[in-house]
Amino acid sequence: MTEIKKLTEAEIEALKFLDRDFDQCFQQMRYYDAQIFDVLKFLFTAYSALIGIALGLYQLKIREHIDLTLPSVAAIIVGLIIGLFMFALTVRNRVYYVQVARYVNNQRDFFFKFKPLGFENRTKMYTKHNQPPYFNWRSSQSILYVIIACLNSILLGILLFMSCSQYVNRWIFVSIGLGIFFILQMTSAVWYLISRENKSASKAVFGKE
């Protein structure tokens, strides 16, 4: 008959800590995931208002022959600065999310090795400490910051359109600028996320041990 080891008081307290830590980490994961959705909802609302104001001023300029280019451009620039900040925030949140998710996987793997009450992980629930990857095109979070990058690029396109009204082929200029800006955003995000791999939590999040 297998002898059941009696846990010490310190080991019992350690198990309680891991249990609480596991639960809190799940709450953190939900928080980081929800925050990205909240950022997207905020941007949709803010951008709709800013674009409406900017285009309204632009139409007033054409109809009333009043030069309102400066306030229109200023409104778009403010929105673009906010959009870039929110884009960086969503990418940064991905780092936080992945780090916590990997820690949860590490804990799950530890306890599954003991097969508590004979439980076997037949569904192959996540147990790898290096998963999920920081960058993954198929993740819902990646899709969200792609959408935010698109919104920022559209905003830049409107800014270029209003600023280059004197050019005949401004649509070409706007399209090229919009495309380059989108590529720059996504390239920087992908590079940053991939650069977080194979690092400790402190190094990945704070940049140093």
N, C-alpha and C. Protein backbone atom coordinates (compact mmCIF):
# COMPACT_ATOMS: atom_id res chain seq x y z
N MET A 1 0.85 -1.20 0.00
CA MET A 1 0.00 0.00 0.00
C MET A 1 0.89 1.25 0.00
N THR A 2 0.55 2.18 -0.88
CA THR A 2 1.36 3.40 -0.99
C THR A 2 1.18 4.28 0.24
N GLU A 3 2.30 4.68 0.78
CA GLU A 3 2.25 5.51 1.97
C GLU A 3 1.98 6.96 1.56
N ILE A 4 1.01 7.57 2.20
CA ILE A 4 0.66 8.95 1.92
C ILE A 4 1.50 9.86 2.80
N LYS A 5 2.24 10.72 2.16
CA LYS A 5 3.10 11.62 2.90
C LYS A 5 2.27 12.69 3.60
N LYS A 6 2.57 12.90 4.85
CA LYS A 6 1.88 13.94 5.62
C LYS A 6 2.56 15.27 5.37
N LEU A 7 1.76 16.23 4.94
CA LEU A 7 2.32 17.54 4.63
C LEU A 7 2.62 18.33 5.88
N THR A 8 3.69 19.06 5.82
CA THR A 8 4.02 19.94 6.93
C THR A 8 3.14 21.19 6.85
N GLU A 9 3.13 21.94 7.92
CA GLU A 9 2.33 23.16 7.95
C GLU A 9 2.80 24.16 6.89
N ALA A 10 4.12 24.21 6.70
CA ALA A 10 4.69 25.12 5.69
C ALA A 10 4.25 24.70 4.29
N GLU A 11 4.22 23.40 4.02
CA GLU A 11 3.80 22.91 2.70
C GLU A 11 2.31 23.18 2.47
N ILE A 12 1.50 23.04 3.50
CA ILE A 12 0.07 23.33 3.38
C ILE A 12 -0.15 24.80 3.04
N GLU A 13 0.59 25.67 3.72
CA GLU A 13 0.48 27.10 3.46
C GLU A 13 0.97 27.43 2.04
N ALA A 14 1.99 26.72 1.59
CA ALA A 14 2.51 26.94 0.24
C ALA A 14 1.46 26.55 -0.81
N LEU A 15 0.75 25.43 -0.54
CA LEU A 15 -0.31 24.99 -1.46
C LEU A 15 -1.46 26.00 -1.48
N LYS A 16 -1.79 26.53 -0.32
CA LYS A 16 -2.84 27.54 -0.26
C LYS A 16 -2.44 28.79 -1.06
N PHE A 17 -1.16 29.15 -0.94
CA PHE A 17 -0.67 30.31 -1.68
C PHE A 17 -0.78 30.08 -3.18
N LEU A 18 -0.34 28.89 -3.64
CA LEU A 18 -0.41 28.58 -5.07
C LEU A 18 -1.85 28.58 -5.57
N ASP A 19 -2.76 28.08 -4.72
CA ASP A 19 -4.18 28.06 -5.08
C ASP A 19 -4.70 29.49 -5.27
N ARG A 20 -4.38 30.36 -4.31
CA ARG A 20 -4.82 31.75 -4.42
C ARG A 20 -4.15 32.44 -5.61
N ASP A 21 -2.87 32.16 -5.80
CA ASP A 21 -2.12 32.77 -6.88
C ASP A 21 -2.68 32.36 -8.23
N PHE A 22 -3.04 31.09 -8.37
CA PHE A 22 -3.61 30.56 -9.61
C PHE A 22 -4.91 31.29 -9.95
N ASP A 23 -5.75 31.47 -8.93
CA ASP A 23 -7.03 32.14 -9.13
C ASP A 23 -6.84 33.60 -9.51
N GLN A 24 -5.92 34.28 -8.82
CA GLN A 24 -5.67 35.69 -9.10
C GLN A 24 -5.07 35.88 -10.50
N CYS A 25 -4.25 34.94 -10.93
CA CYS A 25 -3.66 35.04 -12.25
C CYS A 25 -4.72 34.94 -13.34
N PHE A 26 -5.72 34.08 -13.13
CA PHE A 26 -6.81 33.99 -14.08
C PHE A 26 -7.58 35.30 -14.16
N GLN A 27 -7.77 35.93 -13.02
CA GLN A 27 -8.45 37.23 -13.02
C GLN A 27 -7.62 38.27 -13.77
N GLN A 28 -6.30 38.21 -13.60
CA GLN A 28 -5.43 39.13 -14.33
C GLN A 28 -5.53 38.91 -15.84
N MET A 29 -5.57 37.65 -16.26
CA MET A 29 -5.68 37.34 -17.68
C MET A 29 -6.97 37.90 -18.26
N ARG A 30 -8.07 37.74 -17.53
CA ARG A 30 -9.35 38.29 -18.00
C ARG A 30 -9.30 39.82 -18.07
N TYR A 31 -8.61 40.41 -17.09
CA TYR A 31 -8.50 41.87 -17.06
C TYR A 31 -7.73 42.39 -18.27
N TYR A 32 -6.57 41.78 -18.57
CA TYR A 32 -5.77 42.23 -19.71
C TYR A 32 -6.51 42.03 -21.02
N ASP A 33 -7.22 40.91 -21.13
CA ASP A 33 -7.97 40.63 -22.34
C ASP A 33 -9.10 41.64 -22.52
N ALA A 34 -9.82 41.92 -21.43
CA ALA A 34 -10.95 42.87 -21.50
C ALA A 34 -10.46 44.28 -21.77
N GLN A 35 -9.28 44.63 -21.26
CA GLN A 35 -8.78 45.98 -21.44
C GLN A 35 -8.54 46.31 -22.90
N ILE A 36 -8.07 45.32 -23.66
CA ILE A 36 -7.84 45.54 -25.09
C ILE A 36 -9.16 45.82 -25.81
N PHE A 37 -10.22 45.07 -25.45
CA PHE A 37 -11.54 45.33 -26.03
C PHE A 37 -12.03 46.72 -25.65
N ASP A 38 -11.79 47.13 -24.41
CA ASP A 38 -12.21 48.46 -23.95
C ASP A 38 -11.48 49.56 -24.72
N VAL A 39 -10.20 49.34 -25.00
CA VAL A 39 -9.43 50.31 -25.78
C VAL A 39 -10.04 50.47 -27.17
N LEU A 40 -10.39 49.34 -27.78
CA LEU A 40 -10.97 49.37 -29.13
C LEU A 40 -12.31 50.10 -29.13
N LYS A 41 -13.16 49.84 -28.13
CA LYS A 41 -14.45 50.53 -28.04
C LYS A 41 -14.26 52.03 -27.85
N PHE A 42 -13.29 52.39 -27.02
CA PHE A 42 -13.00 53.81 -26.79
C PHE A 42 -12.55 54.49 -28.08
N LEU A 43 -11.67 53.81 -28.84
CA LEU A 43 -11.16 54.41 -30.07
C LEU A 43 -12.25 54.58 -31.11
N PHE A 44 -13.15 53.61 -31.22
CA PHE A 44 -14.26 53.74 -32.17
C PHE A 44 -15.08 54.98 -31.85
N THR A 45 -15.36 55.17 -30.57
CA THR A 45 -16.14 56.34 -30.15
C THR A 45 -15.38 57.64 -30.38
N ALA A 46 -14.12 57.67 -29.93
CA ALA A 46 -13.31 58.89 -30.05
C ALA A 46 -13.04 59.24 -31.51
N TYR A 47 -12.72 58.22 -32.32
CA TYR A 47 -12.40 58.49 -33.71
C TYR A 47 -13.63 58.96 -34.49
N SER A 48 -14.78 58.38 -34.17
CA SER A 48 -16.01 58.81 -34.85
C SER A 48 -16.28 60.28 -34.58
N ALA A 49 -16.07 60.69 -33.32
CA ALA A 49 -16.28 62.10 -32.95
C ALA A 49 -15.25 63.00 -33.63
N LEU A 50 -13.97 62.61 -33.59
CA LEU A 50 -12.92 63.44 -34.17
C LEU A 50 -13.05 63.57 -35.68
N ILE A 51 -13.34 62.45 -36.33
CA ILE A 51 -13.49 62.48 -37.79
C ILE A 51 -14.70 63.34 -38.17
N GLY A 52 -15.78 63.23 -37.39
CA GLY A 52 -16.97 64.04 -37.64
C GLY A 52 -16.67 65.53 -37.50
N ILE A 53 -15.93 65.89 -36.46
CA ILE A 53 -15.56 67.30 -36.24
C ILE A 53 -14.65 67.80 -37.36
N ALA A 54 -13.63 66.99 -37.69
CA ALA A 54 -12.66 67.41 -38.71
C ALA A 54 -13.33 67.57 -40.08
N LEU A 55 -14.16 66.60 -40.47
CA LEU A 55 -14.82 66.68 -41.77
C LEU A 55 -15.86 67.80 -41.79
N GLY A 56 -16.51 68.03 -40.64
CA GLY A 56 -17.47 69.13 -40.55
C GLY A 56 -16.78 70.47 -40.76
N LEU A 57 -15.64 70.66 -40.14
CA LEU A 57 -14.87 71.89 -40.31
C LEU A 57 -14.36 72.03 -41.75
N TYR A 58 -13.98 70.89 -42.33
CA TYR A 58 -13.48 70.91 -43.71
C TYR A 58 -14.58 71.31 -44.68
N GLN A 59 -15.79 70.79 -44.49
CA GLN A 59 -16.91 71.15 -45.35
C GLN A 59 -17.30 72.61 -45.16
N LEU A 60 -17.23 73.08 -43.92
CA LEU A 60 -17.53 74.48 -43.63
C LEU A 60 -16.54 75.40 -44.34
N LYS A 61 -15.30 74.94 -44.38
CA LYS A 61 -14.26 75.71 -45.08
C LYS A 61 -14.60 75.85 -46.56
N ILE A 62 -15.05 74.75 -47.17
CA ILE A 62 -15.39 74.77 -48.60
C ILE A 62 -16.64 75.62 -48.85
N ARG A 63 -17.63 75.48 -47.99
CA ARG A 63 -18.92 76.16 -48.19
C ARG A 63 -18.85 77.65 -47.87
N GLU A 64 -18.19 77.98 -46.76
CA GLU A 64 -18.15 79.37 -46.31
C GLU A 64 -16.86 80.09 -46.68
N HIS A 65 -15.94 79.35 -47.29
CA HIS A 65 -14.65 79.92 -47.70
C HIS A 65 -13.89 80.50 -46.50
N ILE A 66 -13.96 79.78 -45.38
CA ILE A 66 -13.23 80.16 -44.17
C ILE A 66 -12.11 79.14 -43.96
N ASP A 67 -10.93 79.63 -43.74
CA ASP A 67 -9.79 78.72 -43.57
C ASP A 67 -9.83 78.08 -42.18
N LEU A 68 -10.32 76.84 -42.15
CA LEU A 68 -10.40 76.08 -40.90
C LEU A 68 -9.48 74.86 -40.93
N THR A 69 -8.47 74.94 -41.78
CA THR A 69 -7.55 73.81 -41.91
C THR A 69 -6.82 73.51 -40.61
N LEU A 70 -6.36 74.58 -39.96
CA LEU A 70 -5.56 74.40 -38.73
C LEU A 70 -6.33 73.68 -37.63
N PRO A 71 -7.56 74.10 -37.26
CA PRO A 71 -8.28 73.35 -36.22
C PRO A 71 -8.64 71.93 -36.64
N SER A 72 -8.91 71.73 -37.94
CA SER A 72 -9.22 70.39 -38.43
C SER A 72 -8.01 69.46 -38.28
N VAL A 73 -6.87 69.98 -38.72
CA VAL A 73 -5.62 69.20 -38.63
C VAL A 73 -5.24 68.95 -37.18
N ALA A 74 -5.45 69.97 -36.34
CA ALA A 74 -5.11 69.83 -34.91
C ALA A 74 -5.94 68.73 -34.26
N ALA A 75 -7.23 68.67 -34.60
CA ALA A 75 -8.12 67.65 -34.03
C ALA A 75 -7.67 66.24 -34.44
N ILE A 76 -7.28 66.10 -35.71
CA ILE A 76 -6.83 64.80 -36.20
C ILE A 76 -5.50 64.41 -35.56
N ILE A 77 -4.60 65.37 -35.41
CA ILE A 77 -3.29 65.08 -34.80
C ILE A 77 -3.46 64.61 -33.36
N VAL A 78 -4.35 65.28 -32.61
CA VAL A 78 -4.62 64.87 -31.23
C VAL A 78 -5.14 63.44 -31.20
N GLY A 79 -6.09 63.15 -32.09
CA GLY A 79 -6.63 61.80 -32.16
C GLY A 79 -5.58 60.77 -32.53
N LEU A 80 -4.68 61.14 -33.44
CA LEU A 80 -3.63 60.22 -33.87
C LEU A 80 -2.65 59.92 -32.74
N ILE A 81 -2.31 60.95 -31.96
CA ILE A 81 -1.43 60.74 -30.81
C ILE A 81 -2.07 59.77 -29.81
N ILE A 82 -3.36 59.99 -29.55
CA ILE A 82 -4.09 59.10 -28.64
C ILE A 82 -4.12 57.68 -29.20
N GLY A 83 -4.37 57.58 -30.51
CA GLY A 83 -4.44 56.27 -31.16
C GLY A 83 -3.14 55.50 -31.08
N LEU A 84 -2.03 56.19 -31.28
CA LEU A 84 -0.72 55.53 -31.19
C LEU A 84 -0.43 55.07 -29.77
N PHE A 85 -0.83 55.89 -28.82
CA PHE A 85 -0.66 55.51 -27.41
C PHE A 85 -1.48 54.26 -27.10
N MET A 86 -2.72 54.22 -27.58
CA MET A 86 -3.59 53.06 -27.34
C MET A 86 -3.07 51.81 -28.05
N PHE A 87 -2.49 52.00 -29.23
CA PHE A 87 -1.90 50.87 -29.96
C PHE A 87 -0.75 50.28 -29.16
N ALA A 88 0.12 51.16 -28.64
CA ALA A 88 1.24 50.71 -27.83
C ALA A 88 0.74 50.01 -26.56
N LEU A 89 -0.35 50.52 -26.00
CA LEU A 89 -0.92 49.92 -24.80
C LEU A 89 -1.42 48.50 -25.05
N THR A 90 -2.07 48.28 -26.19
CA THR A 90 -2.59 46.94 -26.49
C THR A 90 -1.45 45.95 -26.72
N VAL A 91 -0.40 46.40 -27.39
CA VAL A 91 0.76 45.53 -27.61
C VAL A 91 1.44 45.20 -26.28
N ARG A 92 1.56 46.21 -25.44
CA ARG A 92 2.16 46.01 -24.11
C ARG A 92 1.30 45.06 -23.27
N ASN A 93 -0.01 45.19 -23.38
CA ASN A 93 -0.92 44.31 -22.64
C ASN A 93 -0.76 42.85 -23.06
N ARG A 94 -0.41 42.65 -24.33
CA ARG A 94 -0.17 41.29 -24.80
C ARG A 94 0.99 40.65 -24.04
N VAL A 95 2.01 41.44 -23.76
CA VAL A 95 3.18 40.95 -23.00
C VAL A 95 2.73 40.54 -21.60
N TYR A 96 1.95 41.40 -20.94
CA TYR A 96 1.46 41.07 -19.59
C TYR A 96 0.61 39.80 -19.63
N TYR A 97 -0.28 39.72 -20.61
CA TYR A 97 -1.19 38.57 -20.72
C TYR A 97 -0.41 37.27 -20.91
N VAL A 98 0.54 37.28 -21.84
CA VAL A 98 1.30 36.07 -22.14
C VAL A 98 2.10 35.62 -20.92
N GLN A 99 2.71 36.57 -20.23
CA GLN A 99 3.53 36.21 -19.07
C GLN A 99 2.70 35.54 -17.99
N VAL A 100 1.52 36.07 -17.73
CA VAL A 100 0.63 35.48 -16.72
C VAL A 100 0.11 34.13 -17.20
N ALA A 101 -0.24 34.02 -18.47
CA ALA A 101 -0.74 32.75 -19.02
C ALA A 101 0.31 31.66 -18.93
N ARG A 102 1.56 32.00 -19.19
CA ARG A 102 2.63 31.01 -19.09
C ARG A 102 2.85 30.56 -17.64
N TYR A 103 2.70 31.50 -16.72
CA TYR A 103 2.84 31.16 -15.31
C TYR A 103 1.73 30.19 -14.87
N VAL A 104 0.52 30.44 -15.35
CA VAL A 104 -0.60 29.54 -15.06
C VAL A 104 -0.34 28.16 -15.64
N ASN A 105 0.17 28.10 -16.86
CA ASN A 105 0.51 26.81 -17.47
C ASN A 105 1.55 26.06 -16.66
N ASN A 106 2.52 26.80 -16.15
CA ASN A 106 3.59 26.21 -15.34
C ASN A 106 3.02 25.58 -14.07
N GLN A 107 2.10 26.29 -13.42
CA GLN A 107 1.46 25.76 -12.21
C GLN A 107 0.62 24.52 -12.54
N ARG A 108 -0.14 24.60 -13.62
CA ARG A 108 -0.99 23.48 -14.01
C ARG A 108 -0.15 22.24 -14.31
N ASP A 109 0.96 22.44 -14.99
CA ASP A 109 1.84 21.32 -15.31
C ASP A 109 2.38 20.67 -14.04
N PHE A 110 2.73 21.49 -13.05
CA PHE A 110 3.27 20.97 -11.79
C PHE A 110 2.26 20.06 -11.09
N PHE A 111 1.01 20.50 -11.00
CA PHE A 111 0.01 19.72 -10.28
C PHE A 111 -0.48 18.51 -11.07
N PHE A 112 -0.53 18.63 -12.39
CA PHE A 112 -0.97 17.50 -13.21
C PHE A 112 0.00 16.32 -13.11
N LYS A 113 1.26 16.57 -12.81
CA LYS A 113 2.24 15.49 -12.70
C LYS A 113 1.91 14.54 -11.54
N PHE A 114 1.17 15.06 -10.55
CA PHE A 114 0.78 14.23 -9.40
C PHE A 114 -0.50 13.46 -9.65
N LYS A 115 -1.17 13.73 -10.77
CA LYS A 115 -2.45 13.10 -11.09
C LYS A 115 -3.39 13.11 -9.89
N PRO A 116 -3.78 14.29 -9.42
CA PRO A 116 -4.65 14.38 -8.23
C PRO A 116 -5.96 13.64 -8.42
N LEU A 117 -6.28 12.76 -7.45
CA LEU A 117 -7.49 11.93 -7.48
C LEU A 117 -7.55 11.07 -8.75
N GLY A 118 -6.40 10.77 -9.31
CA GLY A 118 -6.33 9.95 -10.51
C GLY A 118 -6.63 10.70 -11.80
N PHE A 119 -6.75 12.02 -11.69
CA PHE A 119 -7.09 12.83 -12.86
C PHE A 119 -5.93 12.84 -13.86
N GLU A 120 -6.27 12.59 -15.11
CA GLU A 120 -5.28 12.66 -16.19
C GLU A 120 -5.71 13.75 -17.18
N ASN A 121 -4.75 14.46 -17.65
CA ASN A 121 -5.04 15.56 -18.57
C ASN A 121 -5.22 15.04 -19.99
N ARG A 122 -6.31 14.29 -20.20
CA ARG A 122 -6.54 13.68 -21.50
C ARG A 122 -6.90 14.70 -22.58
N THR A 123 -7.43 15.82 -22.20
CA THR A 123 -7.76 16.87 -23.17
C THR A 123 -6.53 17.67 -23.58
N LYS A 124 -5.40 17.37 -22.92
CA LYS A 124 -4.15 18.08 -23.21
C LYS A 124 -4.30 19.59 -22.97
N MET A 125 -4.90 19.94 -21.85
CA MET A 125 -5.03 21.34 -21.47
C MET A 125 -3.64 21.94 -21.33
N TYR A 126 -3.54 23.24 -21.62
CA TYR A 126 -2.24 23.91 -21.70
C TYR A 126 -1.38 23.69 -20.46
N THR A 127 -0.17 23.20 -20.69
CA THR A 127 0.77 23.00 -19.59
C THR A 127 2.19 23.48 -19.94
N LYS A 128 2.37 23.98 -21.15
CA LYS A 128 3.72 24.40 -21.56
C LYS A 128 4.03 25.78 -21.02
N HIS A 129 5.17 25.89 -20.36
CA HIS A 129 5.55 27.16 -19.74
C HIS A 129 6.00 28.21 -20.75
N ASN A 130 6.20 27.81 -22.02
CA ASN A 130 6.60 28.77 -23.05
C ASN A 130 5.49 29.05 -24.06
N GLN A 131 4.26 28.75 -23.66
CA GLN A 131 3.09 29.02 -24.47
C GLN A 131 2.09 29.85 -23.68
N PRO A 132 1.30 30.72 -24.30
CA PRO A 132 1.25 31.05 -25.73
C PRO A 132 2.42 31.92 -26.15
N PRO A 133 2.70 31.99 -27.45
CA PRO A 133 3.78 32.86 -27.92
C PRO A 133 3.38 34.33 -27.76
N TYR A 134 4.35 35.18 -27.62
CA TYR A 134 4.05 36.61 -27.50
C TYR A 134 3.37 37.12 -28.78
N PHE A 135 3.86 36.68 -29.91
CA PHE A 135 3.24 37.09 -31.17
C PHE A 135 2.58 35.88 -31.83
N ASN A 136 1.29 36.03 -32.12
CA ASN A 136 0.54 34.97 -32.78
C ASN A 136 -0.57 35.62 -33.61
N TRP A 137 -0.46 35.49 -34.93
CA TRP A 137 -1.45 36.12 -35.81
C TRP A 137 -2.86 35.63 -35.53
N ARG A 138 -3.00 34.38 -35.06
CA ARG A 138 -4.33 33.80 -34.91
C ARG A 138 -5.02 34.18 -33.61
N SER A 139 -4.33 34.86 -32.72
CA SER A 139 -4.96 35.23 -31.46
C SER A 139 -5.91 36.41 -31.67
N SER A 140 -6.97 36.44 -30.86
CA SER A 140 -7.95 37.52 -30.97
C SER A 140 -7.31 38.87 -30.62
N GLN A 141 -6.35 38.86 -29.73
CA GLN A 141 -5.67 40.11 -29.35
C GLN A 141 -4.89 40.69 -30.53
N SER A 142 -4.27 39.82 -31.32
CA SER A 142 -3.54 40.29 -32.50
C SER A 142 -4.49 40.95 -33.49
N ILE A 143 -5.65 40.35 -33.68
CA ILE A 143 -6.64 40.92 -34.59
C ILE A 143 -7.07 42.31 -34.12
N LEU A 144 -7.20 42.47 -32.80
CA LEU A 144 -7.64 43.75 -32.25
C LEU A 144 -6.60 44.84 -32.48
N TYR A 145 -5.31 44.53 -32.26
CA TYR A 145 -4.36 45.61 -32.50
C TYR A 145 -4.08 45.83 -33.97
N VAL A 146 -4.42 44.86 -34.82
CA VAL A 146 -4.40 45.12 -36.26
C VAL A 146 -5.50 46.12 -36.63
N ILE A 147 -6.67 45.95 -36.01
CA ILE A 147 -7.79 46.87 -36.25
C ILE A 147 -7.42 48.28 -35.79
N ILE A 148 -6.78 48.37 -34.62
CA ILE A 148 -6.37 49.69 -34.10
C ILE A 148 -5.34 50.33 -35.03
N ALA A 149 -4.42 49.53 -35.56
CA ALA A 149 -3.43 50.06 -36.52
C ALA A 149 -4.13 50.56 -37.78
N CYS A 150 -5.17 49.86 -38.21
CA CYS A 150 -5.95 50.30 -39.38
C CYS A 150 -6.64 51.63 -39.10
N LEU A 151 -7.24 51.76 -37.92
CA LEU A 151 -7.92 53.00 -37.55
C LEU A 151 -6.93 54.17 -37.52
N ASN A 152 -5.76 53.93 -36.95
CA ASN A 152 -4.74 54.98 -36.91
C ASN A 152 -4.31 55.38 -38.33
N SER A 153 -4.19 54.40 -39.20
CA SER A 153 -3.77 54.67 -40.58
C SER A 153 -4.85 55.46 -41.32
N ILE A 154 -6.10 55.12 -41.08
CA ILE A 154 -7.20 55.86 -41.70
C ILE A 154 -7.19 57.31 -41.23
N LEU A 155 -6.91 57.49 -39.95
CA LEU A 155 -6.85 58.85 -39.40
C LEU A 155 -5.71 59.64 -40.05
N LEU A 156 -4.58 59.00 -40.24
CA LEU A 156 -3.47 59.66 -40.93
C LEU A 156 -3.84 59.98 -42.37
N GLY A 157 -4.58 59.07 -43.00
CA GLY A 157 -5.02 59.30 -44.38
C GLY A 157 -5.90 60.54 -44.48
N ILE A 158 -6.80 60.71 -43.52
CA ILE A 158 -7.67 61.90 -43.49
C ILE A 158 -6.83 63.15 -43.28
N LEU A 159 -5.83 63.05 -42.41
CA LEU A 159 -4.94 64.19 -42.15
C LEU A 159 -4.19 64.59 -43.41
N LEU A 160 -3.67 63.61 -44.13
CA LEU A 160 -2.94 63.89 -45.37
C LEU A 160 -3.88 64.45 -46.44
N PHE A 161 -5.10 63.93 -46.48
CA PHE A 161 -6.08 64.39 -47.47
C PHE A 161 -6.40 65.87 -47.27
N MET A 162 -6.58 66.27 -46.02
CA MET A 162 -6.90 67.66 -45.73
C MET A 162 -5.69 68.58 -45.89
N SER A 163 -4.51 68.04 -45.64
CA SER A 163 -3.30 68.86 -45.70
C SER A 163 -2.76 69.02 -47.11
N CYS A 164 -3.18 68.15 -48.02
CA CYS A 164 -2.62 68.17 -49.38
C CYS A 164 -3.69 68.48 -50.42
N SER A 165 -4.61 69.35 -50.06
CA SER A 165 -5.72 69.67 -50.97
C SER A 165 -5.25 70.35 -52.26
N GLN A 166 -4.04 70.92 -52.24
CA GLN A 166 -3.54 71.64 -53.40
C GLN A 166 -2.97 70.70 -54.47
N TYR A 167 -2.77 69.44 -54.13
CA TYR A 167 -2.20 68.48 -55.08
C TYR A 167 -3.30 67.75 -55.85
N VAL A 168 -3.06 67.57 -57.15
CA VAL A 168 -4.04 66.90 -58.00
C VAL A 168 -4.13 65.40 -57.67
N ASN A 169 -2.97 64.78 -57.50
CA ASN A 169 -2.93 63.34 -57.25
C ASN A 169 -2.80 63.03 -55.76
N ARG A 170 -3.55 63.74 -54.95
CA ARG A 170 -3.40 63.55 -53.50
C ARG A 170 -3.87 62.18 -53.04
N TRP A 171 -4.79 61.55 -53.78
CA TRP A 171 -5.26 60.22 -53.37
C TRP A 171 -4.13 59.20 -53.41
N ILE A 172 -3.26 59.33 -54.38
CA ILE A 172 -2.10 58.43 -54.46
C ILE A 172 -1.18 58.66 -53.26
N PHE A 173 -0.95 59.93 -52.97
CA PHE A 173 -0.10 60.30 -51.84
C PHE A 173 -0.70 59.80 -50.53
N VAL A 174 -2.01 59.97 -50.41
CA VAL A 174 -2.71 59.53 -49.19
C VAL A 174 -2.63 58.01 -49.04
N SER A 175 -2.86 57.29 -50.13
CA SER A 175 -2.83 55.82 -50.10
C SER A 175 -1.46 55.29 -49.72
N ILE A 176 -0.43 55.88 -50.30
CA ILE A 176 0.94 55.44 -49.98
C ILE A 176 1.28 55.73 -48.52
N GLY A 177 0.93 56.94 -48.07
CA GLY A 177 1.20 57.30 -46.67
C GLY A 177 0.45 56.42 -45.70
N LEU A 178 -0.80 56.13 -46.01
CA LEU A 178 -1.62 55.26 -45.16
C LEU A 178 -1.01 53.86 -45.06
N GLY A 179 -0.61 53.32 -46.22
CA GLY A 179 -0.04 51.97 -46.24
C GLY A 179 1.28 51.88 -45.49
N ILE A 180 2.15 52.87 -45.71
CA ILE A 180 3.44 52.87 -45.03
C ILE A 180 3.27 52.97 -43.52
N PHE A 181 2.33 53.82 -43.09
CA PHE A 181 2.09 54.01 -41.66
C PHE A 181 1.58 52.73 -41.01
N PHE A 182 0.68 52.01 -41.71
CA PHE A 182 0.17 50.74 -41.19
C PHE A 182 1.30 49.72 -41.06
N ILE A 183 2.14 49.63 -42.07
CA ILE A 183 3.25 48.68 -42.05
C ILE A 183 4.23 49.01 -40.92
N LEU A 184 4.50 50.29 -40.72
CA LEU A 184 5.42 50.69 -39.64
C LEU A 184 4.87 50.31 -38.27
N GLN A 185 3.58 50.53 -38.07
CA GLN A 185 2.97 50.16 -36.78
C GLN A 185 3.07 48.66 -36.53
N MET A 186 2.68 47.87 -37.53
CA MET A 186 2.66 46.42 -37.35
C MET A 186 4.07 45.85 -37.26
N THR A 187 4.99 46.40 -38.02
CA THR A 187 6.37 45.91 -37.96
C THR A 187 6.97 46.14 -36.58
N SER A 188 6.75 47.34 -36.03
CA SER A 188 7.28 47.64 -34.71
C SER A 188 6.64 46.77 -33.64
N ALA A 189 5.33 46.50 -33.76
CA ALA A 189 4.63 45.66 -32.79
C ALA A 189 5.14 44.22 -32.84
N VAL A 190 5.24 43.69 -34.05
CA VAL A 190 5.70 42.30 -34.22
C VAL A 190 7.14 42.15 -33.72
N TRP A 191 7.99 43.10 -34.08
CA TRP A 191 9.40 43.03 -33.64
C TRP A 191 9.47 43.07 -32.11
N TYR A 192 8.70 43.96 -31.50
CA TYR A 192 8.74 44.08 -30.04
C TYR A 192 8.28 42.79 -29.36
N LEU A 193 7.18 42.21 -29.85
CA LEU A 193 6.65 41.00 -29.22
C LEU A 193 7.60 39.82 -29.40
N ILE A 194 8.14 39.67 -30.60
CA ILE A 194 9.07 38.56 -30.84
C ILE A 194 10.32 38.71 -29.98
N SER A 195 10.74 39.95 -29.75
CA SER A 195 11.95 40.20 -28.96
C SER A 195 11.77 39.85 -27.48
N ARG A 196 10.52 39.63 -27.04
CA ARG A 196 10.25 39.27 -25.64
C ARG A 196 10.48 37.78 -25.38
N GLU A 197 10.56 36.97 -26.43
CA GLU A 197 10.70 35.53 -26.27
C GLU A 197 12.05 35.17 -25.61
N ASN A 198 12.03 34.02 -24.94
CA ASN A 198 13.22 33.46 -24.31
C ASN A 198 13.84 34.38 -23.26
N LYS A 199 12.98 35.12 -22.57
CA LYS A 199 13.44 36.00 -21.51
C LYS A 199 12.64 35.72 -20.24
N SER A 200 13.23 36.05 -19.12
CA SER A 200 12.52 35.91 -17.85
C SER A 200 11.39 36.92 -17.79
N ALA A 201 10.51 36.78 -16.80
CA ALA A 201 9.38 37.70 -16.66
C ALA A 201 9.87 39.13 -16.49
N SER A 202 10.88 39.32 -15.63
CA SER A 202 11.40 40.66 -15.39
C SER A 202 12.00 41.26 -16.64
N LYS A 203 12.77 40.45 -17.37
CA LYS A 203 13.44 40.95 -18.58
C LYS A 203 12.41 41.25 -19.67
N ALA A 204 11.41 40.40 -19.81
CA ALA A 204 10.40 40.59 -20.85
C ALA A 204 9.53 41.81 -20.59
N VAL A 205 9.17 42.03 -19.32
CA VAL A 205 8.25 43.11 -18.98
C VAL A 205 8.98 44.43 -18.73
N PHE A 206 10.05 44.36 -17.91
CA PHE A 206 10.72 45.59 -17.48
C PHE A 206 12.03 45.88 -18.23
N GLY A 207 12.50 44.90 -19.01
CA GLY A 207 13.72 45.10 -19.79
C GLY A 207 15.00 44.82 -19.04
N LYS A 208 14.89 44.39 -17.76
CA LYS A 208 16.09 44.07 -16.98
C LYS A 208 15.70 43.10 -15.87
N GLU A 209 16.69 42.41 -15.33
CA GLU A 209 16.45 41.46 -14.26
C GLU A 209 16.23 42.19 -12.94
